[in-house]
mmCIF file of all heavy atoms, coordinates in Angstrom:
data_MODEL
# 
_entry.id   MODEL 
# 
loop_
_atom_site.group_PDB 
_atom_site.id 
_atom_site.type_symbol 
_atom_site.label_atom_id 
_atom_site.label_alt_id 
_atom_site.label_comp_id 
_atom_site.label_asym_id 
_atom_site.label_entity_id 
_atom_site.label_seq_id 
_atom_site.pdbx_PDB_ins_code 
_atom_site.Cartn_x 
_atom_site.Cartn_y 
_atom_site.Cartn_z 
_atom_site.occupancy 
_atom_site.B_iso_or_equiv 
_atom_site.pdbx_formal_charge 
_atom_site.auth_seq_id 
_atom_site.auth_comp_id 
_atom_site.auth_asym_id 
_atom_site.auth_atom_id 
_atom_site.pdbx_PDB_model_num 
ATOM 1   N N   . SER A 1 1  ? -139.711 96.329  17.122 1.00 0.00 ? 1  SER A N   1 
ATOM 2   C CA  . SER A 1 1  ? -139.093 95.342  18.152 1.00 0.00 ? 1  SER A CA  1 
ATOM 3   C C   . SER A 1 1  ? -137.867 94.670  17.615 1.00 0.00 ? 1  SER A C   1 
ATOM 4   O O   . SER A 1 1  ? -137.212 93.912  18.399 1.00 0.00 ? 1  SER A O   1 
ATOM 5   C CB  . SER A 1 1  ? -140.087 94.224  18.501 1.00 0.00 ? 1  SER A CB  1 
ATOM 6   O OG  . SER A 1 1  ? -140.365 93.428  17.353 1.00 0.00 ? 1  SER A OG  1 
ATOM 7   N N   . GLY A 1 2  ? -137.572 94.950  16.375 1.00 0.00 ? 2  GLY A N   1 
ATOM 8   C CA  . GLY A 1 2  ? -136.380 94.130  15.736 1.00 0.00 ? 2  GLY A CA  1 
ATOM 9   C C   . GLY A 1 2  ? -136.804 92.909  15.088 1.00 0.00 ? 2  GLY A C   1 
ATOM 10  O O   . GLY A 1 2  ? -136.005 92.313  14.387 1.00 0.00 ? 2  GLY A O   1 
ATOM 11  N N   . SER A 1 3  ? -138.098 92.467  15.328 1.00 0.00 ? 3  SER A N   1 
ATOM 12  C CA  . SER A 1 3  ? -138.507 91.317  14.685 1.00 0.00 ? 3  SER A CA  1 
ATOM 13  C C   . SER A 1 3  ? -138.722 91.437  13.157 1.00 0.00 ? 3  SER A C   1 
ATOM 14  O O   . SER A 1 3  ? -139.204 92.550  12.647 1.00 0.00 ? 3  SER A O   1 
ATOM 15  C CB  . SER A 1 3  ? -139.869 90.853  15.333 1.00 0.00 ? 3  SER A CB  1 
ATOM 16  O OG  . SER A 1 3  ? -140.450 89.816  14.630 1.00 0.00 ? 3  SER A OG  1 
ATOM 17  N N   . GLN A 1 4  ? -138.625 90.443  12.396 1.00 0.00 ? 4  GLN A N   1 
ATOM 18  C CA  . GLN A 1 4  ? -138.849 90.405  10.946 1.00 0.00 ? 4  GLN A CA  1 
ATOM 19  C C   . GLN A 1 4  ? -139.928 89.292  10.628 1.00 0.00 ? 4  GLN A C   1 
ATOM 20  O O   . GLN A 1 4  ? -139.940 88.798  9.576  1.00 0.00 ? 4  GLN A O   1 
ATOM 21  C CB  . GLN A 1 4  ? -137.614 90.180  10.169 1.00 0.00 ? 4  GLN A CB  1 
ATOM 22  C CG  . GLN A 1 4  ? -136.543 91.319  10.292 1.00 0.00 ? 4  GLN A CG  1 
ATOM 23  C CD  . GLN A 1 4  ? -137.169 92.624  9.670  1.00 0.00 ? 4  GLN A CD  1 
ATOM 24  O OE1 . GLN A 1 4  ? -137.727 92.551  8.557  1.00 0.00 ? 4  GLN A OE1 1 
ATOM 25  N NE2 . GLN A 1 4  ? -137.080 93.658  10.344 1.00 0.00 ? 4  GLN A NE2 1 
ATOM 26  N N   . THR A 1 5  ? -140.741 89.120  11.531 1.00 0.00 ? 5  THR A N   1 
ATOM 27  C CA  . THR A 1 5  ? -141.860 88.158  11.336 1.00 0.00 ? 5  THR A CA  1 
ATOM 28  C C   . THR A 1 5  ? -143.072 88.822  10.656 1.00 0.00 ? 5  THR A C   1 
ATOM 29  O O   . THR A 1 5  ? -143.651 89.762  11.196 1.00 0.00 ? 5  THR A O   1 
ATOM 30  C CB  . THR A 1 5  ? -142.385 87.410  12.598 1.00 0.00 ? 5  THR A CB  1 
ATOM 31  O OG1 . THR A 1 5  ? -141.180 86.775  13.263 1.00 0.00 ? 5  THR A OG1 1 
ATOM 32  C CG2 . THR A 1 5  ? -143.402 86.398  12.355 1.00 0.00 ? 5  THR A CG2 1 
ATOM 33  N N   . TRP A 1 6  ? -143.427 88.319  9.478  1.00 0.00 ? 6  TRP A N   1 
ATOM 34  C CA  . TRP A 1 6  ? -144.521 88.938  8.705  1.00 0.00 ? 6  TRP A CA  1 
ATOM 35  C C   . TRP A 1 6  ? -145.630 87.908  8.590  1.00 0.00 ? 6  TRP A C   1 
ATOM 36  O O   . TRP A 1 6  ? -145.447 86.763  8.628  1.00 0.00 ? 6  TRP A O   1 
ATOM 37  C CB  . TRP A 1 6  ? -144.061 89.421  7.307  1.00 0.00 ? 6  TRP A CB  1 
ATOM 38  C CG  . TRP A 1 6  ? -143.193 90.538  7.312  1.00 0.00 ? 6  TRP A CG  1 
ATOM 39  C CD1 . TRP A 1 6  ? -141.832 90.435  7.529  1.00 0.00 ? 6  TRP A CD1 1 
ATOM 40  C CD2 . TRP A 1 6  ? -143.444 91.862  6.966  1.00 0.00 ? 6  TRP A CD2 1 
ATOM 41  N NE1 . TRP A 1 6  ? -141.296 91.712  7.415  1.00 0.00 ? 6  TRP A NE1 1 
ATOM 42  C CE2 . TRP A 1 6  ? -142.238 92.613  7.005  1.00 0.00 ? 6  TRP A CE2 1 
ATOM 43  C CE3 . TRP A 1 6  ? -144.586 92.484  6.653  1.00 0.00 ? 6  TRP A CE3 1 
ATOM 44  C CZ2 . TRP A 1 6  ? -142.173 93.974  6.893  1.00 0.00 ? 6  TRP A CZ2 1 
ATOM 45  C CZ3 . TRP A 1 6  ? -144.603 93.833  6.368  1.00 0.00 ? 6  TRP A CZ3 1 
ATOM 46  C CH2 . TRP A 1 6  ? -143.375 94.585  6.444  1.00 0.00 ? 6  TRP A CH2 1 
ATOM 47  N N   . ALA A 1 7  ? -146.896 88.500  8.562  1.00 0.00 ? 7  ALA A N   1 
ATOM 48  C CA  . ALA A 1 7  ? -148.070 87.661  8.376  1.00 0.00 ? 7  ALA A CA  1 
ATOM 49  C C   . ALA A 1 7  ? -148.670 88.011  7.028  1.00 0.00 ? 7  ALA A C   1 
ATOM 50  O O   . ALA A 1 7  ? -148.880 89.294  6.782  1.00 0.00 ? 7  ALA A O   1 
ATOM 51  C CB  . ALA A 1 7  ? -148.982 87.824  9.497  1.00 0.00 ? 7  ALA A CB  1 
ATOM 52  N N   . ALA A 1 8  ? -148.993 87.114  6.174  1.00 0.00 ? 8  ALA A N   1 
ATOM 53  C CA  . ALA A 1 8  ? -149.618 87.352  4.872  1.00 0.00 ? 8  ALA A CA  1 
ATOM 54  C C   . ALA A 1 8  ? -151.090 87.079  4.790  1.00 0.00 ? 8  ALA A C   1 
ATOM 55  O O   . ALA A 1 8  ? -151.585 86.231  5.505  1.00 0.00 ? 8  ALA A O   1 
ATOM 56  C CB  . ALA A 1 8  ? -148.881 86.592  3.778  1.00 0.00 ? 8  ALA A CB  1 
ATOM 57  N N   . TYR A 1 9  ? -151.820 87.898  4.053  1.00 0.00 ? 9  TYR A N   1 
ATOM 58  C CA  . TYR A 1 9  ? -153.257 87.708  3.868  1.00 0.00 ? 9  TYR A CA  1 
ATOM 59  C C   . TYR A 1 9  ? -153.622 88.002  2.402  1.00 0.00 ? 9  TYR A C   1 
ATOM 60  O O   . TYR A 1 9  ? -152.974 88.707  1.700  1.00 0.00 ? 9  TYR A O   1 
ATOM 61  C CB  . TYR A 1 9  ? -153.986 88.797  4.711  1.00 0.00 ? 9  TYR A CB  1 
ATOM 62  C CG  . TYR A 1 9  ? -153.716 88.765  6.217  1.00 0.00 ? 9  TYR A CG  1 
ATOM 63  C CD1 . TYR A 1 9  ? -152.577 89.296  6.758  1.00 0.00 ? 9  TYR A CD1 1 
ATOM 64  C CD2 . TYR A 1 9  ? -154.537 88.095  7.103  1.00 0.00 ? 9  TYR A CD2 1 
ATOM 65  C CE1 . TYR A 1 9  ? -152.263 89.333  8.115  1.00 0.00 ? 9  TYR A CE1 1 
ATOM 66  C CE2 . TYR A 1 9  ? -154.252 88.071  8.480  1.00 0.00 ? 9  TYR A CE2 1 
ATOM 67  C CZ  . TYR A 1 9  ? -153.140 88.710  9.013  1.00 0.00 ? 9  TYR A CZ  1 
ATOM 68  O OH  . TYR A 1 9  ? -152.924 88.608  10.332 1.00 0.00 ? 9  TYR A OH  1 
ATOM 69  N N   . GLU A 1 10 ? -154.753 87.490  2.067  1.00 0.00 ? 10 GLU A N   1 
ATOM 70  C CA  . GLU A 1 10 ? -155.435 87.690  0.808  1.00 0.00 ? 10 GLU A CA  1 
ATOM 71  C C   . GLU A 1 10 ? -156.972 88.008  1.037  1.00 0.00 ? 10 GLU A C   1 
ATOM 72  O O   . GLU A 1 10 ? -157.581 87.248  1.806  1.00 0.00 ? 10 GLU A O   1 
ATOM 73  C CB  . GLU A 1 10 ? -155.220 86.592  -0.211 1.00 0.00 ? 10 GLU A CB  1 
ATOM 74  C CG  . GLU A 1 10 ? -153.839 86.506  -0.762 1.00 0.00 ? 10 GLU A CG  1 
ATOM 75  C CD  . GLU A 1 10 ? -153.692 85.601  -2.054 1.00 0.00 ? 10 GLU A CD  1 
ATOM 76  O OE1 . GLU A 1 10 ? -154.856 85.112  -2.397 1.00 0.00 ? 10 GLU A OE1 1 
ATOM 77  O OE2 . GLU A 1 10 ? -152.619 85.287  -2.484 1.00 0.00 ? 10 GLU A OE2 1 
ATOM 78  N N   . GLY A 1 11 ? -157.462 88.950  0.360  1.00 0.00 ? 11 GLY A N   1 
ATOM 79  C CA  . GLY A 1 11 ? -158.887 89.252  0.490  1.00 0.00 ? 11 GLY A CA  1 
ATOM 80  C C   . GLY A 1 11 ? -159.536 90.109  -0.499 1.00 0.00 ? 11 GLY A C   1 
ATOM 81  O O   . GLY A 1 11 ? -158.930 90.344  -1.594 1.00 0.00 ? 11 GLY A O   1 
ATOM 82  N N   . THR A 1 12 ? -160.429 90.975  -0.067 1.00 0.00 ? 12 THR A N   1 
ATOM 83  C CA  . THR A 1 12 ? -161.157 91.804  -1.005 1.00 0.00 ? 12 THR A CA  1 
ATOM 84  C C   . THR A 1 12 ? -161.498 93.107  -0.303 1.00 0.00 ? 12 THR A C   1 
ATOM 85  O O   . THR A 1 12 ? -161.867 93.147  0.864  1.00 0.00 ? 12 THR A O   1 
ATOM 86  C CB  . THR A 1 12 ? -162.589 91.190  -1.325 1.00 0.00 ? 12 THR A CB  1 
ATOM 87  O OG1 . THR A 1 12 ? -162.334 89.890  -2.034 1.00 0.00 ? 12 THR A OG1 1 
ATOM 88  C CG2 . THR A 1 12 ? -163.264 92.132  -2.309 1.00 0.00 ? 12 THR A CG2 1 
ATOM 89  N N   . SER A 1 13 ? -161.226 94.198  -1.087 1.00 0.00 ? 13 SER A N   1 
ATOM 90  C CA  . SER A 1 13 ? -161.570 95.564  -0.582 1.00 0.00 ? 13 SER A CA  1 
ATOM 91  C C   . SER A 1 13 ? -162.623 96.118  -1.420 1.00 0.00 ? 13 SER A C   1 
ATOM 92  O O   . SER A 1 13 ? -162.641 96.059  -2.684 1.00 0.00 ? 13 SER A O   1 
ATOM 93  C CB  . SER A 1 13 ? -160.325 96.441  -0.626 1.00 0.00 ? 13 SER A CB  1 
ATOM 94  O OG  . SER A 1 13 ? -159.270 96.037  0.253  1.00 0.00 ? 13 SER A OG  1 
ATOM 95  N N   . VAL A 1 14 ? -163.682 96.636  -0.772 1.00 0.00 ? 14 VAL A N   1 
ATOM 96  C CA  . VAL A 1 14 ? -164.791 97.310  -1.529 1.00 0.00 ? 14 VAL A CA  1 
ATOM 97  C C   . VAL A 1 14 ? -164.750 98.804  -1.027 1.00 0.00 ? 14 VAL A C   1 
ATOM 98  O O   . VAL A 1 14 ? -164.800 99.116  0.172  1.00 0.00 ? 14 VAL A O   1 
ATOM 99  C CB  . VAL A 1 14 ? -166.185 96.710  -1.195 1.00 0.00 ? 14 VAL A CB  1 
ATOM 100 C CG1 . VAL A 1 14 ? -167.240 97.426  -1.980 1.00 0.00 ? 14 VAL A CG1 1 
ATOM 101 C CG2 . VAL A 1 14 ? -166.143 95.146  -1.544 1.00 0.00 ? 14 VAL A CG2 1 
ATOM 102 N N   . VAL A 1 15 ? -164.662 99.671  -2.064 1.00 0.00 ? 15 VAL A N   1 
ATOM 103 C CA  . VAL A 1 15 ? -164.569 101.160 -1.793 1.00 0.00 ? 15 VAL A CA  1 
ATOM 104 C C   . VAL A 1 15 ? -165.752 101.813 -2.373 1.00 0.00 ? 15 VAL A C   1 
ATOM 105 O O   . VAL A 1 15 ? -166.113 101.723 -3.668 1.00 0.00 ? 15 VAL A O   1 
ATOM 106 C CB  . VAL A 1 15 ? -163.297 101.684 -2.417 1.00 0.00 ? 15 VAL A CB  1 
ATOM 107 C CG1 . VAL A 1 15 ? -163.082 103.201 -2.004 1.00 0.00 ? 15 VAL A CG1 1 
ATOM 108 C CG2 . VAL A 1 15 ? -162.074 100.778 -2.127 1.00 0.00 ? 15 VAL A CG2 1 
ATOM 109 N N   . ARG A 1 16 ? -166.564 102.533 -1.575 1.00 0.00 ? 16 ARG A N   1 
ATOM 110 C CA  . ARG A 1 16 ? -167.704 103.211 -1.970 1.00 0.00 ? 16 ARG A CA  1 
ATOM 111 C C   . ARG A 1 16 ? -167.562 104.721 -1.842 1.00 0.00 ? 16 ARG A C   1 
ATOM 112 O O   . ARG A 1 16 ? -167.105 105.173 -0.772 1.00 0.00 ? 16 ARG A O   1 
ATOM 113 C CB  . ARG A 1 16 ? -168.890 102.761 -1.102 1.00 0.00 ? 16 ARG A CB  1 
ATOM 114 C CG  . ARG A 1 16 ? -169.334 101.237 -1.245 1.00 0.00 ? 16 ARG A CG  1 
ATOM 115 C CD  . ARG A 1 16 ? -170.376 100.879 -0.295 1.00 0.00 ? 16 ARG A CD  1 
ATOM 116 N NE  . ARG A 1 16 ? -170.804 99.551  -0.495 1.00 0.00 ? 16 ARG A NE  1 
ATOM 117 C CZ  . ARG A 1 16 ? -170.228 98.584  0.210  1.00 0.00 ? 16 ARG A CZ  1 
ATOM 118 N NH1 . ARG A 1 16 ? -169.272 98.719  1.054  1.00 0.00 ? 16 ARG A NH1 1 
ATOM 119 N NH2 . ARG A 1 16 ? -170.638 97.255  -0.066 1.00 0.00 ? 16 ARG A NH2 1 
ATOM 120 N N   . LYS A 1 17 ? -167.989 105.422 -2.852 1.00 0.00 ? 17 LYS A N   1 
ATOM 121 C CA  . LYS A 1 17 ? -167.930 106.923 -2.815 1.00 0.00 ? 17 LYS A CA  1 
ATOM 122 C C   . LYS A 1 17 ? -169.097 107.448 -2.095 1.00 0.00 ? 17 LYS A C   1 
ATOM 123 O O   . LYS A 1 17 ? -170.245 107.048 -2.148 1.00 0.00 ? 17 LYS A O   1 
ATOM 124 C CB  . LYS A 1 17 ? -167.980 107.437 -4.302 1.00 0.00 ? 17 LYS A CB  1 
ATOM 125 C CG  . LYS A 1 17 ? -167.930 108.923 -4.426 1.00 0.00 ? 17 LYS A CG  1 
ATOM 126 C CD  . LYS A 1 17 ? -168.161 109.487 -5.803 1.00 0.00 ? 17 LYS A CD  1 
ATOM 127 C CE  . LYS A 1 17 ? -167.043 109.118 -6.743 1.00 0.00 ? 17 LYS A CE  1 
ATOM 128 N NZ  . LYS A 1 17 ? -167.223 109.712 -8.077 1.00 0.00 ? 17 LYS A NZ  1 
ATOM 129 N N   . LEU A 1 18 ? -168.729 108.510 -1.238 1.00 0.00 ? 18 LEU A N   1 
ATOM 130 C CA  . LEU A 1 18 ? -169.852 109.264 -0.479 1.00 0.00 ? 18 LEU A CA  1 
ATOM 131 C C   . LEU A 1 18 ? -169.676 110.771 -0.768 1.00 0.00 ? 18 LEU A C   1 
ATOM 132 O O   . LEU A 1 18 ? -168.580 111.272 -1.149 1.00 0.00 ? 18 LEU A O   1 
ATOM 133 C CB  . LEU A 1 18 ? -169.516 109.075 1.025  1.00 0.00 ? 18 LEU A CB  1 
ATOM 134 C CG  . LEU A 1 18 ? -169.601 107.558 1.554  1.00 0.00 ? 18 LEU A CG  1 
ATOM 135 C CD1 . LEU A 1 18 ? -169.160 107.441 2.912  1.00 0.00 ? 18 LEU A CD1 1 
ATOM 136 C CD2 . LEU A 1 18 ? -170.993 107.010 1.354  1.00 0.00 ? 18 LEU A CD2 1 
ATOM 137 N N   . TRP A 1 19 ? -170.649 111.454 -0.609 1.00 0.00 ? 19 TRP A N   1 
ATOM 138 C CA  . TRP A 1 19 ? -170.690 112.977 -0.754 1.00 0.00 ? 19 TRP A CA  1 
ATOM 139 C C   . TRP A 1 19 ? -169.989 113.436 -2.070 1.00 0.00 ? 19 TRP A C   1 
ATOM 140 O O   . TRP A 1 19 ? -169.248 114.395 -2.011 1.00 0.00 ? 19 TRP A O   1 
ATOM 141 C CB  . TRP A 1 19 ? -169.959 113.699 0.427  1.00 0.00 ? 19 TRP A CB  1 
ATOM 142 C CG  . TRP A 1 19 ? -170.593 113.337 1.822  1.00 0.00 ? 19 TRP A CG  1 
ATOM 143 C CD1 . TRP A 1 19 ? -171.816 112.857 2.020  1.00 0.00 ? 19 TRP A CD1 1 
ATOM 144 C CD2 . TRP A 1 19 ? -169.985 113.510 3.016  1.00 0.00 ? 19 TRP A CD2 1 
ATOM 145 N NE1 . TRP A 1 19 ? -172.049 112.779 3.350  1.00 0.00 ? 19 TRP A NE1 1 
ATOM 146 C CE2 . TRP A 1 19 ? -170.966 113.160 4.048  1.00 0.00 ? 19 TRP A CE2 1 
ATOM 147 C CE3 . TRP A 1 19 ? -168.664 113.967 3.432  1.00 0.00 ? 19 TRP A CE3 1 
ATOM 148 C CZ2 . TRP A 1 19 ? -170.653 113.205 5.361  1.00 0.00 ? 19 TRP A CZ2 1 
ATOM 149 C CZ3 . TRP A 1 19 ? -168.446 113.945 4.795  1.00 0.00 ? 19 TRP A CZ3 1 
ATOM 150 C CH2 . TRP A 1 19 ? -169.449 113.569 5.771  1.00 0.00 ? 19 TRP A CH2 1 
ATOM 151 N N   . ASN A 1 20 ? -170.398 112.817 -3.103 1.00 0.00 ? 20 ASN A N   1 
ATOM 152 C CA  . ASN A 1 20 ? -169.887 113.160 -4.424 1.00 0.00 ? 20 ASN A CA  1 
ATOM 153 C C   . ASN A 1 20 ? -168.275 113.125 -4.504 1.00 0.00 ? 20 ASN A C   1 
ATOM 154 O O   . ASN A 1 20 ? -167.757 113.922 -5.214 1.00 0.00 ? 20 ASN A O   1 
ATOM 155 C CB  . ASN A 1 20 ? -170.410 114.504 -4.916 1.00 0.00 ? 20 ASN A CB  1 
ATOM 156 C CG  . ASN A 1 20 ? -170.252 114.732 -6.404 1.00 0.00 ? 20 ASN A CG  1 
ATOM 157 O OD1 . ASN A 1 20 ? -170.095 113.838 -7.117 1.00 0.00 ? 20 ASN A OD1 1 
ATOM 158 N ND2 . ASN A 1 20 ? -169.994 116.012 -6.722 1.00 0.00 ? 20 ASN A ND2 1 
ATOM 159 N N   . GLY A 1 21 ? -167.697 112.308 -3.774 1.00 0.00 ? 21 GLY A N   1 
ATOM 160 C CA  . GLY A 1 21 ? -166.258 112.131 -3.809 1.00 0.00 ? 21 GLY A CA  1 
ATOM 161 C C   . GLY A 1 21 ? -165.541 112.773 -2.628 1.00 0.00 ? 21 GLY A C   1 
ATOM 162 O O   . GLY A 1 21 ? -164.364 112.556 -2.487 1.00 0.00 ? 21 GLY A O   1 
ATOM 163 N N   . ARG A 1 22 ? -166.233 113.525 -1.870 1.00 0.00 ? 22 ARG A N   1 
ATOM 164 C CA  . ARG A 1 22 ? -165.516 114.196 -0.744 1.00 0.00 ? 22 ARG A CA  1 
ATOM 165 C C   . ARG A 1 22 ? -165.367 113.303 0.456  1.00 0.00 ? 22 ARG A C   1 
ATOM 166 O O   . ARG A 1 22 ? -164.726 113.645 1.497  1.00 0.00 ? 22 ARG A O   1 
ATOM 167 C CB  . ARG A 1 22 ? -166.268 115.397 -0.277 1.00 0.00 ? 22 ARG A CB  1 
ATOM 168 C CG  . ARG A 1 22 ? -166.439 116.546 -1.311 1.00 0.00 ? 22 ARG A CG  1 
ATOM 169 C CD  . ARG A 1 22 ? -166.987 117.824 -0.782 1.00 0.00 ? 22 ARG A CD  1 
ATOM 170 N NE  . ARG A 1 22 ? -168.310 117.627 -0.056 1.00 0.00 ? 22 ARG A NE  1 
ATOM 171 C CZ  . ARG A 1 22 ? -169.465 117.631 -0.719 1.00 0.00 ? 22 ARG A CZ  1 
ATOM 172 N NH1 . ARG A 1 22 ? -169.528 117.648 -2.029 1.00 0.00 ? 22 ARG A NH1 1 
ATOM 173 N NH2 . ARG A 1 22 ? -170.606 117.438 -0.006 1.00 0.00 ? 22 ARG A NH2 1 
ATOM 174 N N   . ALA A 1 23 ? -165.767 112.090 0.427  1.00 0.00 ? 23 ALA A N   1 
ATOM 175 C CA  . ALA A 1 23 ? -165.580 111.044 1.403  1.00 0.00 ? 23 ALA A CA  1 
ATOM 176 C C   . ALA A 1 23 ? -165.771 109.696 0.751  1.00 0.00 ? 23 ALA A C   1 
ATOM 177 O O   . ALA A 1 23 ? -166.367 109.559 -0.456 1.00 0.00 ? 23 ALA A O   1 
ATOM 178 C CB  . ALA A 1 23 ? -166.509 111.147 2.479  1.00 0.00 ? 23 ALA A CB  1 
ATOM 179 N N   . ASN A 1 24 ? -165.110 108.642 1.269  1.00 0.00 ? 24 ASN A N   1 
ATOM 180 C CA  . ASN A 1 24 ? -165.360 107.276 0.758  1.00 0.00 ? 24 ASN A CA  1 
ATOM 181 C C   . ASN A 1 24 ? -165.195 106.342 1.878  1.00 0.00 ? 24 ASN A C   1 
ATOM 182 O O   . ASN A 1 24 ? -164.464 106.663 2.951  1.00 0.00 ? 24 ASN A O   1 
ATOM 183 C CB  . ASN A 1 24 ? -164.452 107.003 -0.347 1.00 0.00 ? 24 ASN A CB  1 
ATOM 184 C CG  . ASN A 1 24 ? -162.941 107.062 -0.135 1.00 0.00 ? 24 ASN A CG  1 
ATOM 185 O OD1 . ASN A 1 24 ? -162.385 106.203 0.447  1.00 0.00 ? 24 ASN A OD1 1 
ATOM 186 N ND2 . ASN A 1 24 ? -162.362 108.266 -0.568 1.00 0.00 ? 24 ASN A ND2 1 
ATOM 187 N N   . LEU A 1 25 ? -165.729 105.187 1.819  1.00 0.00 ? 25 LEU A N   1 
ATOM 188 C CA  . LEU A 1 25 ? -165.571 104.032 2.719  1.00 0.00 ? 25 LEU A CA  1 
ATOM 189 C C   . LEU A 1 25 ? -164.893 102.875 2.162  1.00 0.00 ? 25 LEU A C   1 
ATOM 190 O O   . LEU A 1 25 ? -165.304 102.403 1.174  1.00 0.00 ? 25 LEU A O   1 
ATOM 191 C CB  . LEU A 1 25 ? -167.063 103.813 3.224  1.00 0.00 ? 25 LEU A CB  1 
ATOM 192 C CG  . LEU A 1 25 ? -167.126 102.925 4.535  1.00 0.00 ? 25 LEU A CG  1 
ATOM 193 C CD1 . LEU A 1 25 ? -166.545 103.639 5.748  1.00 0.00 ? 25 LEU A CD1 1 
ATOM 194 C CD2 . LEU A 1 25 ? -168.598 102.549 4.734  1.00 0.00 ? 25 LEU A CD2 1 
ATOM 195 N N   . VAL A 1 26 ? -163.972 102.301 2.897  1.00 0.00 ? 26 VAL A N   1 
ATOM 196 C CA  . VAL A 1 26 ? -163.291 101.197 2.437  1.00 0.00 ? 26 VAL A CA  1 
ATOM 197 C C   . VAL A 1 26 ? -163.546 99.961  3.454  1.00 0.00 ? 26 VAL A C   1 
ATOM 198 O O   . VAL A 1 26 ? -163.431 100.168 4.668  1.00 0.00 ? 26 VAL A O   1 
ATOM 199 C CB  . VAL A 1 26 ? -161.768 101.367 2.377  1.00 0.00 ? 26 VAL A CB  1 
ATOM 200 C CG1 . VAL A 1 26 ? -161.021 100.072 1.885  1.00 0.00 ? 26 VAL A CG1 1 
ATOM 201 C CG2 . VAL A 1 26 ? -161.337 102.613 1.556  1.00 0.00 ? 26 VAL A CG2 1 
ATOM 202 N N   . GLU A 1 27 ? -164.037 98.890  2.830  1.00 0.00 ? 27 GLU A N   1 
ATOM 203 C CA  . GLU A 1 27 ? -164.239 97.632  3.644  1.00 0.00 ? 27 GLU A CA  1 
ATOM 204 C C   . GLU A 1 27 ? -163.349 96.563  3.193  1.00 0.00 ? 27 GLU A C   1 
ATOM 205 O O   . GLU A 1 27 ? -163.419 96.141  2.020  1.00 0.00 ? 27 GLU A O   1 
ATOM 206 C CB  . GLU A 1 27 ? -165.705 97.260  3.560  1.00 0.00 ? 27 GLU A CB  1 
ATOM 207 C CG  . GLU A 1 27 ? -166.796 98.099  4.129  1.00 0.00 ? 27 GLU A CG  1 
ATOM 208 C CD  . GLU A 1 27 ? -168.180 97.528  3.956  1.00 0.00 ? 27 GLU A CD  1 
ATOM 209 O OE1 . GLU A 1 27 ? -168.615 96.678  4.746  1.00 0.00 ? 27 GLU A OE1 1 
ATOM 210 O OE2 . GLU A 1 27 ? -168.770 97.967  2.991  1.00 0.00 ? 27 GLU A OE2 1 
ATOM 211 N N   . LEU A 1 28 ? -162.455 96.104  4.042  1.00 0.00 ? 28 LEU A N   1 
ATOM 212 C CA  . LEU A 1 28 ? -161.495 95.214  3.783  1.00 0.00 ? 28 LEU A CA  1 
ATOM 213 C C   . LEU A 1 28 ? -161.720 93.892  4.633  1.00 0.00 ? 28 LEU A C   1 
ATOM 214 O O   . LEU A 1 28 ? -161.761 93.902  5.806  1.00 0.00 ? 28 LEU A O   1 
ATOM 215 C CB  . LEU A 1 28 ? -159.962 95.674  3.990  1.00 0.00 ? 28 LEU A CB  1 
ATOM 216 C CG  . LEU A 1 28 ? -158.895 94.595  3.988  1.00 0.00 ? 28 LEU A CG  1 
ATOM 217 C CD1 . LEU A 1 28 ? -158.698 93.924  2.637  1.00 0.00 ? 28 LEU A CD1 1 
ATOM 218 C CD2 . LEU A 1 28 ? -157.629 95.178  4.408  1.00 0.00 ? 28 LEU A CD2 1 
# 
């Protein structure tokens, strides 16, 4: 849109391995 308005955040991501590495799930 041409806008330069940014929103900042801080938090936690938890990443779990599935199917011996062939998939994974990220919760942010």
